[in-house]
Amino acid sequence: MARIKNILINKTSDWSQNIRPRVGSTIKHNGYYWSNATGINSEPGLTNDWVNCGIVIDAPTQNGSHVVNLLVTDVSDNPHMIVSGTYVSGDPKKLESYSPNSMTRAL
């Protein structure tokens, strides 16, 4: 079985009717991140062409802020999602800026 690796970047583009998505490409639409599963461009959420990958939220700016479903990258620029965690300090788009007891998953 082929395995698709999603590459999630904090500057993911918004969905439009004119894009030509590749399998595994990620976009934002209606407040959610979506990953393409078929290579077909249809509106996310209406068909099985897109898979929901998480909620779009702004990165925190204050220490101690609680975050959920935040997409970040580690020191090697590999994508991770903080399922639930606390911002400590540093770059809010980097995994190491969150408390060690944060629940995360690699994407």
PDB file of N, CA and C in Angstrom:
ATOM      1  N   MET A   1       0.848  -1.177   0.000  1.00  0.00           N
ATOM      2  CA  MET A   1       0.000   0.000   0.000  1.00  0.00           C
ATOM      3  C   MET A   1       0.892   1.239   0.000  1.00  0.00           C
ATOM      4  N   ALA A   2       0.618   2.145  -0.868  1.00  0.00           N
ATOM      5  CA  ALA A   2       1.399   3.384  -0.948  1.00  0.00           C
ATOM      6  C   ALA A   2       1.056   4.272   0.235  1.00  0.00           C
ATOM      7  N   ARG A   3       2.045   4.955   0.707  1.00  0.00           N
ATOM      8  CA  ARG A   3       1.839   5.844   1.843  1.00  0.00           C
ATOM      9  C   ARG A   3       2.027   7.280   1.389  1.00  0.00           C
ATOM     10  N   ILE A   4       1.097   8.136   1.745  1.00  0.00           N
ATOM     11  CA  ILE A   4       1.152   9.535   1.345  1.00  0.00           C
ATOM     12  C   ILE A   4       1.650  10.351   2.519  1.00  0.00           C
ATOM     13  N   LYS A   5       2.700  11.136   2.307  1.00  0.00           N
ATOM     14  CA  LYS A   5       3.216  12.004   3.360  1.00  0.00           C
ATOM     15  C   LYS A   5       2.732  13.418   3.097  1.00  0.00           C
ATOM     16  N   ASN A   6       2.019  13.962   4.051  1.00  0.00           N
ATOM     17  CA  ASN A   6       1.534  15.337   3.944  1.00  0.00           C
ATOM     18  C   ASN A   6       2.617  16.293   4.386  1.00  0.00           C
ATOM     19  N   ILE A   7       2.793  17.350   3.657  1.00  0.00           N
ATOM     20  CA  ILE A   7       3.705  18.403   4.054  1.00  0.00           C
ATOM     21  C   ILE A   7       2.866  19.611   4.419  1.00  0.00           C
ATOM     22  N   LEU A   8       2.813  19.918   5.708  1.00  0.00           N
ATOM     23  CA  LEU A   8       2.022  21.038   6.185  1.00  0.00           C
ATOM     24  C   LEU A   8       2.952  22.196   6.511  1.00  0.00           C
ATOM     25  N   ILE A   9       2.668  23.327   5.966  1.00  0.00           N
ATOM     26  CA  ILE A   9       3.487  24.512   6.172  1.00  0.00           C
ATOM     27  C   ILE A   9       2.600  25.591   6.751  1.00  0.00           C
ATOM     28  N   ASN A  10       3.141  26.385   7.674  1.00  0.00           N
ATOM     29  CA  ASN A  10       2.335  27.412   8.319  1.00  0.00           C
ATOM     30  C   ASN A  10       1.794  28.438   7.343  1.00  0.00           C
ATOM     31  N   LYS A  11       2.372  28.551   6.154  1.00  0.00           N
ATOM     32  CA  LYS A  11       1.876  29.502   5.162  1.00  0.00           C
ATOM     33  C   LYS A  11       1.142  28.766   4.044  1.00  0.00           C
ATOM     34  N   THR A  12       0.278  27.848   4.426  1.00  0.00           N
ATOM     35  CA  THR A  12      -0.503  27.086   3.461  1.00  0.00           C
ATOM     36  C   THR A  12      -1.467  28.012   2.732  1.00  0.00           C
ATOM     37  N   SER A  13      -1.612  27.817   1.419  1.00  0.00           N
ATOM     38  CA  SER A  13      -2.479  28.701   0.632  1.00  0.00           C
ATOM     39  C   SER A  13      -3.954  28.353   0.833  1.00  0.00           C
ATOM     40  N   ASP A  14      -4.802  29.300   0.499  1.00  0.00           N
ATOM     41  CA  ASP A  14      -6.240  29.106   0.579  1.00  0.00           C
ATOM     42  C   ASP A  14      -6.736  28.351  -0.660  1.00  0.00           C
ATOM     43  N   TRP A  15      -7.828  27.603  -0.492  1.00  0.00           N
ATOM     44  CA  TRP A  15      -8.403  26.864  -1.602  1.00  0.00           C
ATOM     45  C   TRP A  15      -9.079  27.824  -2.586  1.00  0.00           C
ATOM     46  N   SER A  16      -9.003  27.495  -3.855  1.00  0.00           N
ATOM     47  CA  SER A  16      -9.758  28.211  -4.882  1.00  0.00           C
ATOM     48  C   SER A  16     -10.145  27.206  -5.965  1.00  0.00           C
ATOM     49  N   GLN A  17     -11.080  27.593  -6.808  1.00  0.00           N
ATOM     50  CA  GLN A  17     -11.532  26.718  -7.892  1.00  0.00           C
ATOM     51  C   GLN A  17     -10.451  26.496  -8.943  1.00  0.00           C
ATOM     52  N   ASN A  18      -9.450  27.369  -8.964  1.00  0.00           N
ATOM     53  CA  ASN A  18      -8.459  27.331 -10.038  1.00  0.00           C
ATOM     54  C   ASN A  18      -7.183  26.565  -9.706  1.00  0.00           C
ATOM     55  N   ILE A  19      -7.052  26.045  -8.489  1.00  0.00           N
ATOM     56  CA  ILE A  19      -5.808  25.336  -8.151  1.00  0.00           C
ATOM     57  C   ILE A  19      -5.795  23.947  -8.780  1.00  0.00           C
ATOM     58  N   ARG A  20      -4.603  23.402  -8.930  1.00  0.00           N
ATOM     59  CA  ARG A  20      -4.432  22.039  -9.431  1.00  0.00           C
ATOM     60  C   ARG A  20      -3.700  21.260  -8.340  1.00  0.00           C
ATOM     61  N   PRO A  21      -4.465  20.680  -7.415  1.00  0.00           N
ATOM     62  CA  PRO A  21      -3.826  20.026  -6.272  1.00  0.00           C
ATOM     63  C   PRO A  21      -3.170  18.705  -6.640  1.00  0.00           C
ATOM     64  N   ARG A  22      -2.106  18.408  -5.924  1.00  0.00           N
ATOM     65  CA  ARG A  22      -1.462  17.108  -6.043  1.00  0.00           C
ATOM     66  C   ARG A  22      -1.883  16.278  -4.837  1.00  0.00           C
ATOM     67  N   VAL A  23      -1.824  14.987  -4.961  1.00  0.00           N
ATOM     68  CA  VAL A  23      -2.149  14.122  -3.834  1.00  0.00           C
ATOM     69  C   VAL A  23      -1.193  14.443  -2.693  1.00  0.00           C
ATOM     70  N   GLY A  24      -1.749  14.708  -1.512  1.00  0.00           N
ATOM     71  CA  GLY A  24      -0.945  15.047  -0.341  1.00  0.00           C
ATOM     72  C   GLY A  24      -0.749  16.536  -0.130  1.00  0.00           C
ATOM     73  N   SER A  25      -1.125  17.366  -1.124  1.00  0.00           N
ATOM     74  CA  SER A  25      -0.976  18.815  -0.947  1.00  0.00           C
ATOM     75  C   SER A  25      -1.994  19.308   0.069  1.00  0.00           C
ATOM     76  N   THR A  26      -1.667  20.399   0.756  1.00  0.00           N
ATOM     77  CA  THR A  26      -2.512  20.907   1.835  1.00  0.00           C
ATOM     78  C   THR A  26      -2.930  22.342   1.558  1.00  0.00           C
ATOM     79  N   ILE A  27      -4.194  22.649   1.869  1.00  0.00           N
ATOM     80  CA  ILE A  27      -4.742  24.000   1.693  1.00  0.00           C
ATOM     81  C   ILE A  27      -5.546  24.371   2.936  1.00  0.00           C
ATOM     82  N   LYS A  28      -5.954  25.646   3.005  1.00  0.00           N
ATOM     83  CA  LYS A  28      -6.868  26.109   4.045  1.00  0.00           C
ATOM     84  C   LYS A  28      -8.201  26.442   3.395  1.00  0.00           C
ATOM     85  N   HIS A  29      -9.300  26.095   4.085  1.00  0.00           N
ATOM     86  CA  HIS A  29     -10.631  26.437   3.576  1.00  0.00           C
ATOM     87  C   HIS A  29     -11.627  26.416   4.726  1.00  0.00           C
ATOM     88  N   ASN A  30     -12.378  27.512   4.867  1.00  0.00           N
ATOM     89  CA  ASN A  30     -13.414  27.634   5.897  1.00  0.00           C
ATOM     90  C   ASN A  30     -12.913  27.315   7.307  1.00  0.00           C
ATOM     91  N   GLY A  31     -11.691  27.770   7.622  1.00  0.00           N
ATOM     92  CA  GLY A  31     -11.175  27.598   8.970  1.00  0.00           C
ATOM     93  C   GLY A  31     -10.526  26.263   9.276  1.00  0.00           C
ATOM     94  N   TYR A  32     -10.315  25.427   8.259  1.00  0.00           N
ATOM     95  CA  TYR A  32      -9.702  24.121   8.462  1.00  0.00           C
ATOM     96  C   TYR A  32      -8.560  23.908   7.475  1.00  0.00           C
ATOM     97  N   TYR A  33      -7.617  23.039   7.855  1.00  0.00           N
ATOM     98  CA  TYR A  33      -6.596  22.563   6.930  1.00  0.00           C
ATOM     99  C   TYR A  33      -7.146  21.311   6.264  1.00  0.00           C
ATOM    100  N   TRP A  34      -6.903  21.184   4.952  1.00  0.00           N
ATOM    101  CA  TRP A  34      -7.367  20.027   4.184  1.00  0.00           C
ATOM    102  C   TRP A  34      -6.207  19.465   3.370  1.00  0.00           C
ATOM    103  N   SER A  35      -6.105  18.142   3.306  1.00  0.00           N
ATOM    104  CA  SER A  35      -5.088  17.473   2.506  1.00  0.00           C
ATOM    105  C   SER A  35      -5.776  16.734   1.369  1.00  0.00           C
ATOM    106  N   ASN A  36      -5.231  16.876   0.162  1.00  0.00           N
ATOM    107  CA  ASN A  36      -5.868  16.256  -1.001  1.00  0.00           C
ATOM    108  C   ASN A  36      -5.536  14.776  -1.063  1.00  0.00           C
ATOM    109  N   ALA A  37      -6.555  13.953  -1.289  1.00  0.00           N
ATOM    110  CA  ALA A  37      -6.391  12.505  -1.334  1.00  0.00           C
ATOM    111  C   ALA A  37      -6.461  11.919  -2.736  1.00  0.00           C
ATOM    112  N   THR A  38      -6.950  12.703  -3.716  1.00  0.00           N
ATOM    113  CA  THR A  38      -7.193  12.136  -5.044  1.00  0.00           C
ATOM    114  C   THR A  38      -6.526  12.876  -6.199  1.00  0.00           C
ATOM    115  N   GLY A  39      -6.085  14.104  -5.976  1.00  0.00           N
ATOM    116  CA  GLY A  39      -5.554  14.916  -7.062  1.00  0.00           C
ATOM    117  C   GLY A  39      -6.636  15.673  -7.810  1.00  0.00           C
ATOM    118  N   ILE A  40      -7.882  15.551  -7.359  1.00  0.00           N
ATOM    119  CA  ILE A  40      -9.020  16.241  -7.981  1.00  0.00           C
ATOM    120  C   ILE A  40      -9.362  17.468  -7.157  1.00  0.00           C
ATOM    121  N   ASN A  41      -9.636  18.582  -7.812  1.00  0.00           N
ATOM    122  CA  ASN A  41      -9.984  19.817  -7.115  1.00  0.00           C
ATOM    123  C   ASN A  41     -11.495  19.960  -7.029  1.00  0.00           C
ATOM    124  N   SER A  42     -12.014  19.717  -5.850  1.00  0.00           N
ATOM    125  CA  SER A  42     -13.423  19.977  -5.555  1.00  0.00           C
ATOM    126  C   SER A  42     -13.436  20.775  -4.258  1.00  0.00           C
ATOM    127  N   GLU A  43     -14.574  21.335  -3.896  1.00  0.00           N
ATOM    128  CA  GLU A  43     -14.606  22.115  -2.665  1.00  0.00           C
ATOM    129  C   GLU A  43     -14.426  21.203  -1.457  1.00  0.00           C
ATOM    130  N   PRO A  44     -13.443  21.502  -0.592  1.00  0.00           N
ATOM    131  CA  PRO A  44     -13.206  20.663   0.581  1.00  0.00           C
ATOM    132  C   PRO A  44     -14.448  20.565   1.471  1.00  0.00           C
ATOM    133  N   GLY A  45     -14.686  19.372   1.974  1.00  0.00           N
ATOM    134  CA  GLY A  45     -15.814  19.136   2.856  1.00  0.00           C
ATOM    135  C   GLY A  45     -17.059  18.622   2.154  1.00  0.00           C
ATOM    136  N   LEU A  46     -17.096  18.738   0.832  1.00  0.00           N
ATOM    137  CA  LEU A  46     -18.288  18.298   0.091  1.00  0.00           C
ATOM    138  C   LEU A  46     -18.112  16.911  -0.524  1.00  0.00           C
ATOM    139  N   THR A  47     -16.867  16.509  -0.774  1.00  0.00           N
ATOM    140  CA  THR A  47     -16.594  15.197  -1.369  1.00  0.00           C
ATOM    141  C   THR A  47     -15.467  14.531  -0.581  1.00  0.00           C
ATOM    142  N   ASN A  48     -15.070  13.353  -1.021  1.00  0.00           N
ATOM    143  CA  ASN A  48     -13.965  12.635  -0.373  1.00  0.00           C
ATOM    144  C   ASN A  48     -12.607  12.971  -0.982  1.00  0.00           C
ATOM    145  N   ASP A  49     -12.528  14.023  -1.801  1.00  0.00           N
ATOM    146  CA  ASP A  49     -11.265  14.404  -2.430  1.00  0.00           C
ATOM    147  C   ASP A  49     -10.304  15.044  -1.423  1.00  0.00           C
ATOM    148  N   TRP A  50     -10.840  15.599  -0.335  1.00  0.00           N
ATOM    149  CA  TRP A  50     -10.023  16.281   0.670  1.00  0.00           C
ATOM    150  C   TRP A  50     -10.263  15.646   2.034  1.00  0.00           C
ATOM    151  N   VAL A  51      -9.185  15.559   2.841  1.00  0.00           N
ATOM    152  CA  VAL A  51      -9.256  15.017   4.193  1.00  0.00           C
ATOM    153  C   VAL A  51      -8.960  16.142   5.168  1.00  0.00           C
ATOM    154  N   ASN A  52      -9.810  16.311   6.180  1.00  0.00           N
ATOM    155  CA  ASN A  52      -9.620  17.362   7.183  1.00  0.00           C
ATOM    156  C   ASN A  52      -8.397  17.044   8.036  1.00  0.00           C
ATOM    157  N   CYS A  53      -7.479  18.019   8.153  1.00  0.00           N
ATOM    158  CA  CYS A  53      -6.229  17.828   8.890  1.00  0.00           C
ATOM    159  C   CYS A  53      -6.142  18.643  10.168  1.00  0.00           C
ATOM    160  N   GLY A  54      -7.082  19.520  10.438  1.00  0.00           N
ATOM    161  CA  GLY A  54      -7.013  20.314  11.656  1.00  0.00           C
ATOM    162  C   GLY A  54      -7.643  21.679  11.484  1.00  0.00           C
ATOM    163  N   ILE A  55      -7.699  22.387  12.592  1.00  0.00           N
ATOM    164  CA  ILE A  55      -8.322  23.710  12.636  1.00  0.00           C
ATOM    165  C   ILE A  55      -7.246  24.779  12.464  1.00  0.00           C
ATOM    166  N   VAL A  56      -7.540  25.798  11.681  1.00  0.00           N
ATOM    167  CA  VAL A  56      -6.617  26.914  11.501  1.00  0.00           C
ATOM    168  C   VAL A  56      -6.789  27.866  12.675  1.00  0.00           C
ATOM    169  N   ILE A  57      -5.719  28.086  13.424  1.00  0.00           N
ATOM    170  CA  ILE A  57      -5.746  29.087  14.491  1.00  0.00           C
ATOM    171  C   ILE A  57      -4.471  29.905  14.399  1.00  0.00           C
ATOM    172  N   ASP A  58      -4.511  31.085  14.948  1.00  0.00           N
ATOM    173  CA  ASP A  58      -3.322  31.917  14.967  1.00  0.00           C
ATOM    174  C   ASP A  58      -2.377  31.428  16.045  1.00  0.00           C
ATOM    175  N   ALA A  59      -1.090  31.557  15.788  1.00  0.00           N
ATOM    176  CA  ALA A  59      -0.085  31.181  16.778  1.00  0.00           C
ATOM    177  C   ALA A  59      -0.203  32.106  17.989  1.00  0.00           C
ATOM    178  N   PRO A  60       0.048  31.590  19.190  1.00  0.00           N
ATOM    179  CA  PRO A  60      -0.071  32.405  20.399  1.00  0.00           C
ATOM    180  C   PRO A  60       1.021  33.456  20.488  1.00  0.00           C
ATOM    181  N   THR A  61       0.768  34.491  21.249  1.00  0.00           N
ATOM    182  CA  THR A  61       1.775  35.538  21.438  1.00  0.00           C
ATOM    183  C   THR A  61       2.144  35.718  22.903  1.00  0.00           C
ATOM    184  N   GLN A  62       1.367  35.139  23.820  1.00  0.00           N
ATOM    185  CA  GLN A  62       1.652  35.285  25.248  1.00  0.00           C
ATOM    186  C   GLN A  62       2.079  33.963  25.846  1.00  0.00           C
ATOM    187  N   ASN A  63       3.096  34.011  26.711  1.00  0.00           N
ATOM    188  CA  ASN A  63       3.545  32.813  27.414  1.00  0.00           C
ATOM    189  C   ASN A  63       2.397  32.260  28.241  1.00  0.00           C
ATOM    190  N   GLY A  64       2.256  30.932  28.274  1.00  0.00           N
ATOM    191  CA  GLY A  64       1.195  30.289  29.029  1.00  0.00           C
ATOM    192  C   GLY A  64      -0.097  30.106  28.254  1.00  0.00           C
ATOM    193  N   SER A  65      -0.148  30.574  27.001  1.00  0.00           N
ATOM    194  CA  SER A  65      -1.360  30.416  26.182  1.00  0.00           C
ATOM    195  C   SER A  65      -1.583  28.941  25.872  1.00  0.00           C
ATOM    196  N   HIS A  66      -2.823  28.485  25.987  1.00  0.00           N
ATOM    197  CA  HIS A  66      -3.182  27.107  25.652  1.00  0.00           C
ATOM    198  C   HIS A  66      -3.555  27.048  24.174  1.00  0.00           C
ATOM    199  N   VAL A  67      -3.069  26.037  23.478  1.00  0.00           N
ATOM    200  CA  VAL A  67      -3.373  25.884  22.055  1.00  0.00           C
ATOM    201  C   VAL A  67      -3.905  24.485  21.787  1.00  0.00           C
ATOM    202  N   VAL A  68      -4.749  24.362  20.758  1.00  0.00           N
ATOM    203  CA  VAL A  68      -5.239  23.063  20.291  1.00  0.00           C
ATOM    204  C   VAL A  68      -5.158  23.032  18.774  1.00  0.00           C
ATOM    205  N   ASN A  69      -4.801  21.876  18.238  1.00  0.00           N
ATOM    206  CA  ASN A  69      -4.724  21.654  16.786  1.00  0.00           C
ATOM    207  C   ASN A  69      -3.923  22.735  16.070  1.00  0.00           C
ATOM    208  N   LEU A  70      -2.749  23.019  16.580  1.00  0.00           N
ATOM    209  CA  LEU A  70      -1.868  24.017  15.973  1.00  0.00           C
ATOM    210  C   LEU A  70      -0.774  23.315  15.188  1.00  0.00           C
ATOM    211  N   LEU A  71      -0.605  23.681  13.915  1.00  0.00           N
ATOM    212  CA  LEU A  71       0.438  23.090  13.084  1.00  0.00           C
ATOM    213  C   LEU A  71       1.744  23.829  13.295  1.00  0.00           C
ATOM    214  N   VAL A  72       2.808  23.077  13.618  1.00  0.00           N
ATOM    215  CA  VAL A  72       4.131  23.639  13.859  1.00  0.00           C
ATOM    216  C   VAL A  72       5.165  22.745  13.182  1.00  0.00           C
ATOM    217  N   THR A  73       6.422  23.172  13.199  1.00  0.00           N
ATOM    218  CA  THR A  73       7.507  22.348  12.676  1.00  0.00           C
ATOM    219  C   THR A  73       8.557  22.155  13.759  1.00  0.00           C
ATOM    220  N   ASP A  74       9.311  21.054  13.663  1.00  0.00           N
ATOM    221  CA  ASP A  74      10.393  20.819  14.619  1.00  0.00           C
ATOM    222  C   ASP A  74      11.690  21.419  14.084  1.00  0.00           C
ATOM    223  N   VAL A  75      12.811  21.159  14.764  1.00  0.00           N
ATOM    224  CA  VAL A  75      14.082  21.759  14.365  1.00  0.00           C
ATOM    225  C   VAL A  75      14.535  21.303  12.979  1.00  0.00           C
ATOM    226  N   SER A  76      14.033  20.160  12.519  1.00  0.00           N
ATOM    227  CA  SER A  76      14.369  19.652  11.182  1.00  0.00           C
ATOM    228  C   SER A  76      13.329  20.033  10.138  1.00  0.00           C
ATOM    229  N   ASP A  77      12.403  20.937  10.494  1.00  0.00           N
ATOM    230  CA  ASP A  77      11.310  21.379   9.627  1.00  0.00           C
ATOM    231  C   ASP A  77      10.320  20.283   9.259  1.00  0.00           C
ATOM    232  N   ASN A  78      10.211  19.242  10.109  1.00  0.00           N
ATOM    233  CA  ASN A  78       9.188  18.222   9.923  1.00  0.00           C
ATOM    234  C   ASN A  78       7.893  18.717  10.558  1.00  0.00           C
ATOM    235  N   PRO A  79       6.745  18.506   9.892  1.00  0.00           N
ATOM    236  CA  PRO A  79       5.481  19.013  10.422  1.00  0.00           C
ATOM    237  C   PRO A  79       4.964  18.193  11.602  1.00  0.00           C
ATOM    238  N   HIS A  80       4.384  18.878  12.567  1.00  0.00           N
ATOM    239  CA  HIS A  80       3.754  18.264  13.739  1.00  0.00           C
ATOM    240  C   HIS A  80       2.475  19.026  14.025  1.00  0.00           C
ATOM    241  N   MET A  81       1.541  18.372  14.695  1.00  0.00           N
ATOM    242  CA  MET A  81       0.352  19.062  15.164  1.00  0.00           C
ATOM    243  C   MET A  81       0.333  18.977  16.683  1.00  0.00           C
ATOM    244  N   ILE A  82       0.204  20.133  17.324  1.00  0.00           N
ATOM    245  CA  ILE A  82       0.030  20.145  18.767  1.00  0.00           C
ATOM    246  C   ILE A  82      -1.463  19.955  19.005  1.00  0.00           C
ATOM    247  N   VAL A  83      -1.820  18.779  19.489  1.00  0.00           N
ATOM    248  CA  VAL A  83      -3.221  18.461  19.733  1.00  0.00           C
ATOM    249  C   VAL A  83      -3.727  19.285  20.908  1.00  0.00           C
ATOM    250  N   SER A  84      -2.923  19.399  21.951  1.00  0.00           N
ATOM    251  CA  SER A  84      -3.238  20.218  23.114  1.00  0.00           C
ATOM    252  C   SER A  84      -1.927  20.547  23.800  1.00  0.00           C
ATOM    253  N   GLY A  85      -1.675  21.809  24.045  1.00  0.00           N
ATOM    254  CA  GLY A  85      -0.416  22.170  24.659  1.00  0.00           C
ATOM    255  C   GLY A  85      -0.382  23.591  25.163  1.00  0.00           C
ATOM    256  N   THR A  86       0.764  23.950  25.738  1.00  0.00           N
ATOM    257  CA  THR A  86       0.958  25.275  26.309  1.00  0.00           C
ATOM    258  C   THR A  86       2.187  25.921  25.694  1.00  0.00           C
ATOM    259  N   TYR A  87       2.007  27.145  25.196  1.00  0.00           N
ATOM    260  CA  TYR A  87       3.117  27.925  24.639  1.00  0.00           C
ATOM    261  C   TYR A  87       3.997  28.395  25.783  1.00  0.00           C
ATOM    262  N   VAL A  88       5.319  28.202  25.668  1.00  0.00           N
ATOM    263  CA  VAL A  88       6.257  28.601  26.710  1.00  0.00           C
ATOM    264  C   VAL A  88       6.964  29.885  26.303  1.00  0.00           C
ATOM    265  N   SER A  89       7.760  29.837  25.244  1.00  0.00           N
ATOM    266  CA  SER A  89       8.440  31.027  24.730  1.00  0.00           C
ATOM    267  C   SER A  89       9.161  30.670  23.440  1.00  0.00           C
ATOM    268  N   GLY A  90       9.648  31.679  22.731  1.00  0.00           N
ATOM    269  CA  GLY A  90      10.361  31.461  21.478  1.00  0.00           C
ATOM    270  C   GLY A  90       9.455  31.620  20.274  1.00  0.00           C
ATOM    271  N   ASP A  91       9.835  30.991  19.171  1.00  0.00           N
ATOM    272  CA  ASP A  91       9.080  31.070  17.925  1.00  0.00           C
ATOM    273  C   ASP A  91       7.797  30.252  18.051  1.00  0.00           C
ATOM    274  N   PRO A  92       6.608  30.877  17.983  1.00  0.00           N
ATOM    275  CA  PRO A  92       5.351  30.138  18.170  1.00  0.00           C
ATOM    276  C   PRO A  92       5.037  29.149  17.058  1.00  0.00           C
ATOM    277  N   LYS A  93       5.828  29.152  15.982  1.00  0.00           N
ATOM    278  CA  LYS A  93       5.603  28.207  14.889  1.00  0.00           C
ATOM    279  C   LYS A  93       6.538  27.003  14.984  1.00  0.00           C
ATOM    280  N   LYS A  94       7.311  26.916  16.089  1.00  0.00           N
ATOM    281  CA  LYS A  94       8.256  25.820  16.278  1.00  0.00           C
ATOM    282  C   LYS A  94       7.844  24.948  17.454  1.00  0.00           C
ATOM    283  N   LEU A  95       7.976  23.655  17.309  1.00  0.00           N
ATOM    284  CA  LEU A  95       7.564  22.687  18.312  1.00  0.00           C
ATOM    285  C   LEU A  95       8.278  22.884  19.642  1.00  0.00           C
ATOM    286  N   GLU A  96       9.550  23.248  19.619  1.00  0.00           N
ATOM    287  CA  GLU A  96      10.323  23.383  20.863  1.00  0.00           C
ATOM    288  C   GLU A  96       9.875  24.569  21.720  1.00  0.00           C
ATOM    289  N   SER A  97       8.981  25.401  21.220  1.00  0.00           N
ATOM    290  CA  SER A  97       8.483  26.551  21.974  1.00  0.00           C
ATOM    291  C   SER A  97       7.312  26.191  22.890  1.00  0.00           C
ATOM    292  N   TYR A  98       6.932  24.927  22.929  1.00  0.00           N
ATOM    293  CA  TYR A  98       5.788  24.484  23.722  1.00  0.00           C
ATOM    294  C   TYR A  98       6.245  23.548  24.835  1.00  0.00           C
ATOM    295  N   SER A  99       5.449  23.464  25.903  1.00  0.00           N
ATOM    296  CA  SER A  99       5.833  22.674  27.077  1.00  0.00           C
ATOM    297  C   SER A  99       6.030  21.203  26.700  1.00  0.00           C
ATOM    298  N   PRO A 100       6.978  20.526  27.393  1.00  0.00           N
ATOM    299  CA  PRO A 100       7.260  19.121  27.083  1.00  0.00           C
ATOM    300  C   PRO A 100       6.069  18.190  27.300  1.00  0.00           C
ATOM    301  N   ASN A 101       5.103  18.580  28.140  1.00  0.00           N
ATOM    302  CA  ASN A 101       3.942  17.720  28.380  1.00  0.00           C
ATOM    303  C   ASN A 101       2.809  17.981  27.388  1.00  0.00           C
ATOM    304  N   SER A 102       3.049  18.772  26.339  1.00  0.00           N
ATOM    305  CA  SER A 102       2.039  19.003  25.305  1.00  0.00           C
ATOM    306  C   SER A 102       1.806  17.709  24.517  1.00  0.00           C
ATOM    307  N   MET A 103       0.565  17.452  24.149  1.00  0.00           N
ATOM    308  CA  MET A 103       0.248  16.283  23.327  1.00  0.00           C
ATOM    309  C   MET A 103       0.456  16.667  21.863  1.00  0.00           C
ATOM    310  N   THR A 104       1.331  15.956  21.180  1.00  0.00           N
ATOM    311  CA  THR A 104       1.629  16.257  19.776  1.00  0.00           C
ATOM    312  C   THR A 104       1.558  14.976  18.949  1.00  0.00           C
ATOM    313  N   ARG A 105       1.474  15.163  17.640  1.00  0.00           N
ATOM    314  CA  ARG A 105       1.603  14.026  16.727  1.00  0.00           C
ATOM    315  C   ARG A 105       2.350  14.483  15.492  1.00  0.00           C
ATOM    316  N   ALA A 106       3.216  13.604  15.019  1.00  0.00           N
ATOM    317  CA  ALA A 106       3.967  13.895  13.797  1.00  0.00           C
ATOM    318  C   ALA A 106       3.054  13.668  12.615  1.00  0.00           C
ATOM    319  N   LEU A 107       3.192  14.477  11.585  1.00  0.00           N
ATOM    320  CA  LEU A 107       2.368  14.328  10.380  1.00  0.00           C
ATOM    321  C   LEU A 107       3.194  13.848   9.222  1.00  0.00           C
TER     322      LEU A 107
END
